[in-house]
C-alpha atoms as a PDB file:
ATOM      1  CA  MET A   1     152.984 107.135  97.468  1.00  0.00           C
ATOM      2  CA  TYR A   2     153.571 104.658  94.942  1.00  0.00           C
ATOM      3  CA  SER A   3     150.447 102.705  95.966  1.00  0.00           C
ATOM      4  CA  PHE A   4     148.421 106.118  95.607  1.00  0.00           C
ATOM      5  CA  ILE A   5     149.430 106.528  92.036  1.00  0.00           C
ATOM      6  CA  LEU A   6     149.182 102.988  91.156  1.00  0.00           C
ATOM      7  CA  THR A   7     145.281 103.313  92.570  1.00  0.00           C
ATOM      8  CA  TYR A   8     144.794 106.564  90.717  1.00  0.00           C
ATOM      9  CA  TYR A   9     146.036 105.005  87.496  1.00  0.00           C
ATOM     10  CA  ASN A  10     143.679 101.664  87.752  1.00  0.00           C
ATOM     11  CA  TYR A  11     140.700 104.255  88.668  1.00  0.00           C
ATOM     12  CA  TYR A  12     141.899 106.065  85.529  1.00  0.00           C
ATOM     13  CA  MET A  13     142.214 103.305  83.153  1.00  0.00           C
ATOM     14  CA  ILE A  14     138.715 101.750  84.346  1.00  0.00           C
ATOM     15  CA  LYS A  15     137.041 104.797  83.553  1.00  0.00           C
ATOM     16  CA  ILE A  16     138.508 105.225  80.123  1.00  0.00           C
ATOM     17  CA  LEU A  17     137.410 101.295  79.517  1.00  0.00           C
ATOM     18  CA  SER A  18     133.787 101.854  80.492  1.00  0.00           C
ATOM     19  CA  GLN A  19     133.318 104.801  78.476  1.00  0.00           C
ATOM     20  CA  LEU A  20     135.116 103.250  75.255  1.00  0.00           C
ATOM     21  CA  LEU A  21     132.586 100.188  75.925  1.00  0.00           C
ATOM     22  CA  ASP A  22     129.861 102.540  76.080  1.00  0.00           C
ATOM     23  CA  LEU A  23     130.765 104.180  72.772  1.00  0.00           C
ATOM     24  CA  ILE A  24     130.865 100.108  71.353  1.00  0.00           C
ATOM     25  CA  TYR A  25     128.080  99.350  73.130  1.00  0.00           C
ATOM     26  CA  LYS A  26     126.041 102.027  73.077  1.00  0.00           C
ATOM     27  CA  LYS A  27     122.431 101.089  74.402  1.00  0.00           C
ATOM     28  CA  ARG A  28     119.436 101.447  72.161  1.00  0.00           C
ATOM     29  CA  CYS A  29     115.968 102.461  73.044  1.00  0.00           C
ATOM     30  CA  TYR A  30     113.959  99.057  73.628  1.00  0.00           C
ATOM     31  CA  PHE A  31     110.872 100.935  71.573  1.00  0.00           C
ATOM     32  CA  CYS A  32     112.591 102.984  69.082  1.00  0.00           C
ATOM     33  CA  GLY A  33     115.817 101.538  68.359  1.00  0.00           C
ATOM     34  CA  CYS A  34     117.124 105.087  68.671  1.00  0.00           C
ATOM     35  CA  SER A  35     120.881 104.910  70.092  1.00  0.00           C
ATOM     36  CA  LYS A  36     121.496 109.048  70.728  1.00  0.00           C
ATOM     37  CA  GLU A  37     120.413 108.636  74.742  1.00  0.00           C
ATOM     38  CA  ASN A  38     122.053 105.372  75.531  1.00  0.00           C
ATOM     39  CA  THR A  39     119.309 104.280  77.094  1.00  0.00           C
ATOM     40  CA  LYS A  40     116.548 101.518  77.201  1.00  0.00           C
ATOM     41  CA  MET A  41     113.521 103.977  76.943  1.00  0.00           C
ATOM     42  CA  CYS A  42     114.631 107.552  74.947  1.00  0.00           C
ATOM     43  CA  SER A  43     112.573 110.863  76.416  1.00  0.00           C
ATOM     44  CA  LYS A  44     111.004 110.720  73.139  1.00  0.00           C
ATOM     45  CA  CYS A  45     109.047 107.341  73.928  1.00  0.00           C
ATOM     46  CA  PHE A  46     108.431 107.748  77.428  1.00  0.00           C
ATOM     47  CA  GLN A  47     106.782 111.124  76.747  1.00  0.00           C
ATOM     48  CA  LYS A  48     104.160 109.276  74.486  1.00  0.00           C
ATOM     49  CA  ILE A  49     102.513 107.506  77.568  1.00  0.00           C
ATOM     50  CA  LYS A  50      99.720 109.161  78.714  1.00  0.00           C
ATOM     51  CA  ILE A  51      99.449 109.838  82.430  1.00  0.00           C
ATOM     52  CA  LEU A  52      95.867 109.470  83.743  1.00  0.00           C
ATOM     53  CA  PRO A  53      94.212 111.929  85.978  1.00  0.00           C
ATOM     54  CA  SER A  54      95.161 111.872  89.434  1.00  0.00           C
ATOM     55  CA  LYS A  55      91.520 110.480  90.759  1.00  0.00           C
ATOM     56  CA  ILE A  56      90.683 106.719  92.031  1.00  0.00           C
ATOM     57  CA  ILE A  57      89.833 104.715  89.420  1.00  0.00           C
ATOM     58  CA  LYS A  58      87.799 102.329  91.076  1.00  0.00           C
ATOM     59  CA  ASN A  59      87.449 101.140  94.923  1.00  0.00           C
ATOM     60  CA  ILE A  60      87.983  97.056  95.912  1.00  0.00           C
ATOM     61  CA  ASP A  61      86.097  96.581  99.173  1.00  0.00           C
ATOM     62  CA  LYS A  62      86.304  99.877 100.068  1.00  0.00           C
ATOM     63  CA  ILE A  63      90.364  99.948  99.549  1.00  0.00           C
ATOM     64  CA  PRO A  64      91.075 102.529  96.747  1.00  0.00           C
ATOM     65  CA  VAL A  65      93.118 101.587  93.797  1.00  0.00           C
ATOM     66  CA  TYR A  66      95.033 103.713  91.341  1.00  0.00           C
ATOM     67  CA  SER A  67      96.110 103.551  87.806  1.00  0.00           C
ATOM     68  CA  ALA A  68      99.055 105.681  86.266  1.00  0.00           C
ATOM     69  CA  THR A  69      98.057 104.796  82.760  1.00  0.00           C
ATOM     70  CA  VAL A  70      96.184 102.570  80.549  1.00  0.00           C
ATOM     71  CA  TYR A  71      97.885  99.140  79.487  1.00  0.00           C
ATOM     72  CA  GLU A  72      98.706  99.710  75.909  1.00  0.00           C
ATOM     73  CA  LYS A  73     101.333 100.635  73.453  1.00  0.00           C
ATOM     74  CA  GLU A  74     104.645 101.819  74.769  1.00  0.00           C
ATOM     75  CA  VAL A  75     103.392 100.881  78.369  1.00  0.00           C
ATOM     76  CA  GLN A  76     102.084  97.236  76.979  1.00  0.00           C
ATOM     77  CA  LYS A  77     105.686  96.788  75.297  1.00  0.00           C
ATOM     78  CA  LEU A  78     107.484  98.035  78.388  1.00  0.00           C
ATOM     79  CA  ILE A  79     105.576  95.742  81.249  1.00  0.00           C
ATOM     80  CA  ARG A  80     106.044  92.381  78.651  1.00  0.00           C
ATOM     81  CA  GLY A  81     109.727  93.347  78.110  1.00  0.00           C
ATOM     82  CA  ILE A  82     110.604  93.390  82.036  1.00  0.00           C
ATOM     83  CA  LYS A  83     108.247  90.399  82.736  1.00  0.00           C
ATOM     84  CA  TYR A  84     108.741  88.094  79.719  1.00  0.00           C
ATOM     85  CA  HIS A  85     112.275  89.463  77.905  1.00  0.00           C
ATOM     86  CA  ARG A  86     114.377  89.953  81.115  1.00  0.00           C
ATOM     87  CA  GLN A  87     114.679  93.711  80.132  1.00  0.00           C
ATOM     88  CA  LYS A  88     115.047  94.711  83.864  1.00  0.00           C
ATOM     89  CA  GLU A  89     116.634  98.300  83.096  1.00  0.00           C
ATOM     90  CA  LEU A  90     112.936  99.075  82.048  1.00  0.00           C
ATOM     91  CA  ALA A  91     111.949  98.900  86.023  1.00  0.00           C
ATOM     92  CA  PHE A  92     112.821 102.202  86.147  1.00  0.00           C
ATOM     93  CA  PHE A  93     110.983 103.765  83.502  1.00  0.00           C
ATOM     94  CA  GLN A  94     108.029 101.913  84.564  1.00  0.00           C
ATOM     95  CA  ALA A  95     108.766 103.256  88.550  1.00  0.00           C
ATOM     96  CA  LYS A  96     109.277 106.441  87.097  1.00  0.00           C
ATOM     97  CA  ILE A  97     105.487 106.500  84.948  1.00  0.00           C
ATOM     98  CA  MET A  98     104.053 105.607  88.583  1.00  0.00           C
ATOM     99  CA  TYR A  99     105.833 107.947  90.554  1.00  0.00           C
ATOM    100  CA  ASP A 100     104.818 110.910  87.858  1.00  0.00           C
ATOM    101  CA  PHE A 101     101.045 109.805  88.382  1.00  0.00           C
ATOM    102  CA  TRP A 102     101.876 109.322  92.247  1.00  0.00           C
ATOM    103  CA  LYS A 103     103.641 112.596  93.331  1.00  0.00           C
ATOM    104  CA  LYS A 104     100.236 114.706  92.138  1.00  0.00           C
ATOM    105  CA  LEU A 105      97.960 113.072  95.006  1.00  0.00           C
ATOM    106  CA  SER A 106      97.699 114.739  98.537  1.00  0.00           C
ATOM    107  CA  ILE A 107      98.356 111.253  99.823  1.00  0.00           C
ATOM    108  CA  SER A 108     101.855 110.596  98.216  1.00  0.00           C
ATOM    109  CA  GLU A 109     102.879 112.955 101.431  1.00  0.00           C
ATOM    110  CA  ASN A 110     101.974 110.017 103.585  1.00  0.00           C
ATOM    111  CA  LYS A 111     104.417 107.497 104.763  1.00  0.00           C
ATOM    112  CA  TYR A 112     104.036 104.383 102.883  1.00  0.00           C
ATOM    113  CA  THR A 113     105.528 100.801 102.980  1.00  0.00           C
ATOM    114  CA  ILE A 114     105.509  99.147  99.290  1.00  0.00           C
ATOM    115  CA  VAL A 115     104.388  95.842  99.027  1.00  0.00           C
ATOM    116  CA  PRO A 116     104.855  94.418  95.766  1.00  0.00           C
ATOM    117  CA  VAL A 117     102.737  91.705  94.536  1.00  0.00           C
ATOM    118  CA  PRO A 118     104.352  88.425  95.056  1.00  0.00           C
ATOM    119  CA  LEU A 119     104.949  85.147  92.818  1.00  0.00           C
ATOM    120  CA  PHE A 120     104.746  81.443  93.545  1.00  0.00           C
ATOM    121  CA  VAL A 121     108.299  80.751  94.588  1.00  0.00           C
ATOM    122  CA  GLU A 122     108.490  78.027  91.607  1.00  0.00           C
ATOM    123  CA  ARG A 123     107.802  80.612  89.258  1.00  0.00           C
ATOM    124  CA  GLU A 124     110.096  83.350  90.233  1.00  0.00           C
ATOM    125  CA  LYS A 125     113.107  80.686  90.205  1.00  0.00           C
ATOM    126  CA  LYS A 126     111.869  79.406  86.685  1.00  0.00           C
ATOM    127  CA  ARG A 127     112.175  83.742  85.550  1.00  0.00           C
ATOM    128  CA  LYS A 128     115.140  84.291  88.202  1.00  0.00           C
ATOM    129  CA  TYR A 129     113.148  87.637  89.610  1.00  0.00           C
ATOM    130  CA  ASN A 130     110.062  89.271  90.299  1.00  0.00           C
ATOM    131  CA  GLN A 131     109.191  91.790  88.074  1.00  0.00           C
ATOM    132  CA  MET A 132     107.408  94.182  90.988  1.00  0.00           C
ATOM    133  CA  VAL A 133     109.735  93.693  93.292  1.00  0.00           C
ATOM    134  CA  LEU A 134     112.411  95.568  90.860  1.00  0.00           C
ATOM    135  CA  VAL A 135     109.902  98.232  90.166  1.00  0.00           C
ATOM    136  CA  ALA A 136     109.557  98.608  93.974  1.00  0.00           C
ATOM    137  CA  GLN A 137     112.516  99.220  94.537  1.00  0.00           C
ATOM    138  CA  GLU A 138     113.206 101.864  91.972  1.00  0.00           C
ATOM    139  CA  PHE A 139     109.840 103.407  93.246  1.00  0.00           C
ATOM    140  CA  SER A 140     111.248 103.283  96.711  1.00  0.00           C
ATOM    141  CA  ASN A 141     114.289 105.225  95.390  1.00  0.00           C
ATOM    142  CA  LEU A 142     112.019 107.883  93.865  1.00  0.00           C
ATOM    143  CA  THR A 143     109.859 108.589  96.764  1.00  0.00           C
ATOM    144  CA  GLY A 144     111.675 107.378  99.900  1.00  0.00           C
ATOM    145  CA  TYR A 145     109.411 104.689 101.302  1.00  0.00           C
ATOM    146  CA  ASP A 146     110.554 100.992 101.996  1.00  0.00           C
ATOM    147  CA  VAL A 147     109.748  97.971 100.763  1.00  0.00           C
ATOM    148  CA  ASN A 148     108.586  94.959 102.298  1.00  0.00           C
ATOM    149  CA  THR A 149     108.264  92.134 100.329  1.00  0.00           C
ATOM    150  CA  LYS A 150     107.660  89.075 103.244  1.00  0.00           C
ATOM    151  CA  LEU A 151     104.087  90.682 104.666  1.00  0.00           C
ATOM    152  CA  ILE A 152     102.414  88.831 101.392  1.00  0.00           C
ATOM    153  CA  LYS A 153     103.389  85.398 100.601  1.00  0.00           C
ATOM    154  CA  ARG A 154     101.909  83.170  97.329  1.00  0.00           C
ATOM    155  CA  VAL A 155     101.299  80.157  98.688  1.00  0.00           C
ATOM    156  CA  LYS A 156      99.602  78.813  95.777  1.00  0.00           C
ATOM    157  CA  ASN A 157     100.429  78.140  92.401  1.00  0.00           C
ATOM    158  CA  THR A 158      97.984  79.579  90.311  1.00  0.00           C
ATOM    159  CA  LYS A 159      97.486  79.903  86.769  1.00  0.00           C
ATOM    160  CA  PRO A 160      98.034  82.605  84.465  1.00  0.00           C
ATOM    161  CA  GLN A 161      95.198  85.213  84.739  1.00  0.00           C
ATOM    162  CA  TYR A 162      95.405  86.331  81.112  1.00  0.00           C
ATOM    163  CA  LYS A 163      93.830  82.994  80.105  1.00  0.00           C
ATOM    164  CA  LEU A 164      90.625  83.179  82.707  1.00  0.00           C
ATOM    165  CA  SER A 165      87.366  85.132  82.836  1.00  0.00           C
ATOM    166  CA  LYS A 166      86.583  87.030  85.760  1.00  0.00           C
ATOM    167  CA  ASN A 167      85.253  84.046  87.601  1.00  0.00           C
ATOM    168  CA  GLU A 168      87.712  81.586  86.701  1.00  0.00           C
ATOM    169  CA  ARG A 169      90.211  84.635  88.029  1.00  0.00           C
ATOM    170  CA  GLU A 170      88.587  84.521  91.249  1.00  0.00           C
ATOM    171  CA  LYS A 171      88.673  80.882  91.606  1.00  0.00           C
ATOM    172  CA  ASN A 172      92.311  80.520  90.857  1.00  0.00           C
ATOM    173  CA  LEU A 173      93.072  83.006  93.483  1.00  0.00           C
ATOM    174  CA  LYS A 174      91.134  82.208  96.067  1.00  0.00           C
ATOM    175  CA  ASP A 175      93.448  81.634  99.451  1.00  0.00           C
ATOM    176  CA  ALA A 176      96.436  82.168  96.853  1.00  0.00           C
ATOM    177  CA  PHE A 177      97.993  84.515  99.919  1.00  0.00           C
ATOM    178  CA  LEU A 178      99.394  84.251 102.999  1.00  0.00           C
ATOM    179  CA  CYS A 179      99.935  87.245 105.470  1.00  0.00           C
ATOM    180  CA  ASN A 180     103.406  87.336 107.856  1.00  0.00           C
ATOM    181  CA  LEU A 181     102.818  89.990 110.492  1.00  0.00           C
ATOM    182  CA  GLU A 182     106.410  89.633 111.924  1.00  0.00           C
ATOM    183  CA  ASN A 183     107.726  91.946 109.511  1.00  0.00           C
ATOM    184  CA  TYR A 184     104.899  94.426 109.763  1.00  0.00           C
ATOM    185  CA  ASN A 185     105.284  97.634 112.065  1.00  0.00           C
ATOM    186  CA  ASN A 186     101.522  99.187 111.348  1.00  0.00           C
ATOM    187  CA  GLU A 187     102.633 101.112 108.324  1.00  0.00           C
ATOM    188  CA  LYS A 188     100.127 102.350 105.831  1.00  0.00           C
ATOM    189  CA  ILE A 189     100.199  99.704 103.013  1.00  0.00           C
ATOM    190  CA  LEU A 190     101.151 100.351  99.273  1.00  0.00           C
ATOM    191  CA  ILE A 191     100.193  97.367  97.298  1.00  0.00           C
ATOM    192  CA  ILE A 192     101.752  97.594  93.747  1.00  0.00           C
ATOM    193  CA  ASP A 193     101.308  95.234  90.716  1.00  0.00           C
ATOM    194  CA  ASP A 194     101.577  96.621  87.059  1.00  0.00           C
ATOM    195  CA  ILE A 195      98.247  95.581  85.578  1.00  0.00           C
ATOM    196  CA  LEU A 196      94.870  95.619  86.784  1.00  0.00           C
ATOM    197  CA  THR A 197      92.256  93.837  84.626  1.00  0.00           C
ATOM    198  CA  THR A 198      89.147  92.494  86.929  1.00  0.00           C
ATOM    199  CA  GLY A 199      90.857  93.333  89.873  1.00  0.00           C
ATOM    200  CA  SER A 200      91.144  89.946  91.100  1.00  0.00           C
ATOM    201  CA  THR A 201      94.394  89.444  92.284  1.00  0.00           C
ATOM    202  CA  ALA A 202      94.290  92.900  94.306  1.00  0.00           C
ATOM    203  CA  LYS A 203      90.701  91.827  95.798  1.00  0.00           C
ATOM    204  CA  GLU A 204      92.255  88.193  97.216  1.00  0.00           C
ATOM    205  CA  ILE A 205      95.390  90.414  98.531  1.00  0.00           C
ATOM    206  CA  ILE A 206      93.050  92.617 100.373  1.00  0.00           C
ATOM    207  CA  LYS A 207      90.979  90.228 101.736  1.00  0.00           C
ATOM    208  CA  THR A 208      93.939  88.584 103.035  1.00  0.00           C
ATOM    209  CA  LEU A 209      95.064  91.467 104.523  1.00  0.00           C
ATOM    210  CA  LYS A 210      91.921  92.221 106.263  1.00  0.00           C
ATOM    211  CA  THR A 211      91.773  89.065 107.819  1.00  0.00           C
ATOM    212  CA  ALA A 212      94.985  89.554 109.297  1.00  0.00           C
ATOM    213  CA  ASP A 213      93.471  92.703 110.651  1.00  0.00           C
ATOM    214  CA  LEU A 214      95.184  95.484 108.554  1.00  0.00           C
ATOM    215  CA  LYS A 215      92.772  97.754 106.770  1.00  0.00           C
ATOM    216  CA  ASP A 216      95.195 100.834 106.186  1.00  0.00           C
ATOM    217  CA  ILE A 217      95.640  99.589 102.612  1.00  0.00           C
ATOM    218  CA  THR A 218      95.880 101.609  98.829  1.00  0.00           C
ATOM    219  CA  VAL A 219      96.594  99.682  96.313  1.00  0.00           C
ATOM    220  CA  PHE A 220      98.513 101.236  92.787  1.00  0.00           C
ATOM    221  CA  VAL A 221      98.857 100.084  89.553  1.00  0.00           C
ATOM    222  CA  THR A 222     101.108 101.157  86.552  1.00  0.00           C
ATOM    223  CA  SER A 223      98.427 100.319  84.213  1.00  0.00           C
ATOM    224  CA  CYS A 224      95.056  99.443  83.670  1.00  0.00           C
ATOM    225  CA  THR A 225      92.622  97.830  80.731  1.00  0.00           C
ATOM    226  CA  GLU A 226      90.335  99.931  78.733  1.00  0.00           C
ATOM    227  CA  TYR A 227      87.588  97.864  80.372  1.00  0.00           C
ATOM    228  CA  ASN A 228      88.224  99.699  83.938  1.00  0.00           C
ATOM    229  CA  LEU A 229      88.189 103.170  82.725  1.00  0.00           C
ATOM    230  CA  ASN A 230      84.362 102.717  82.869  1.00  0.00           C
ATOM    231  CA  PHE A 231      84.176 101.831  86.653  1.00  0.00           C
END
């Protein structure tokens, strides 16, 4: 009986302490600074994001590519916040943006295995995490799909893509990925990434998967540049 009372007392005190800490260190919206909702992205800022129409934005080697939104304003800050400024909590909101688009597609009723675009091992060690793995895990919670981080491995330490032209990007990514079939069980593959610019990364991953005779592939990105809206 005494043990039960002590356990309950400890639980109650921890709960009170947690509530006090929430009041003292209230989270501010990363975008507008508002602390009313005690969250990293308030509903007002989230609602500013415009979800694209539910359709394929382009095809890469006959593989459909979807984008949830355009890489601008709040979306740009969100992606850069996770990737470069350790704002890991924003991964949920990035996944939610993708889910709000994805759930409107008829193909969302299928069962997929989520494959986040991998980082080279040294770059991931330096960053201490792969932002797309965080997003994949949150997207998995929303969809119920499994995540496979071992199917595709980045075996080449490529240069940052944003500094390169389209041709340079393709050369930079040539033979950058390796497919590991050990953890694959004939599922539909959903490759996810944060930004689609020229599509070079997706193209090289698709080539790698097709070389391993895997063809049931869909590519889904959080955002695309305006350039891609012309495809």
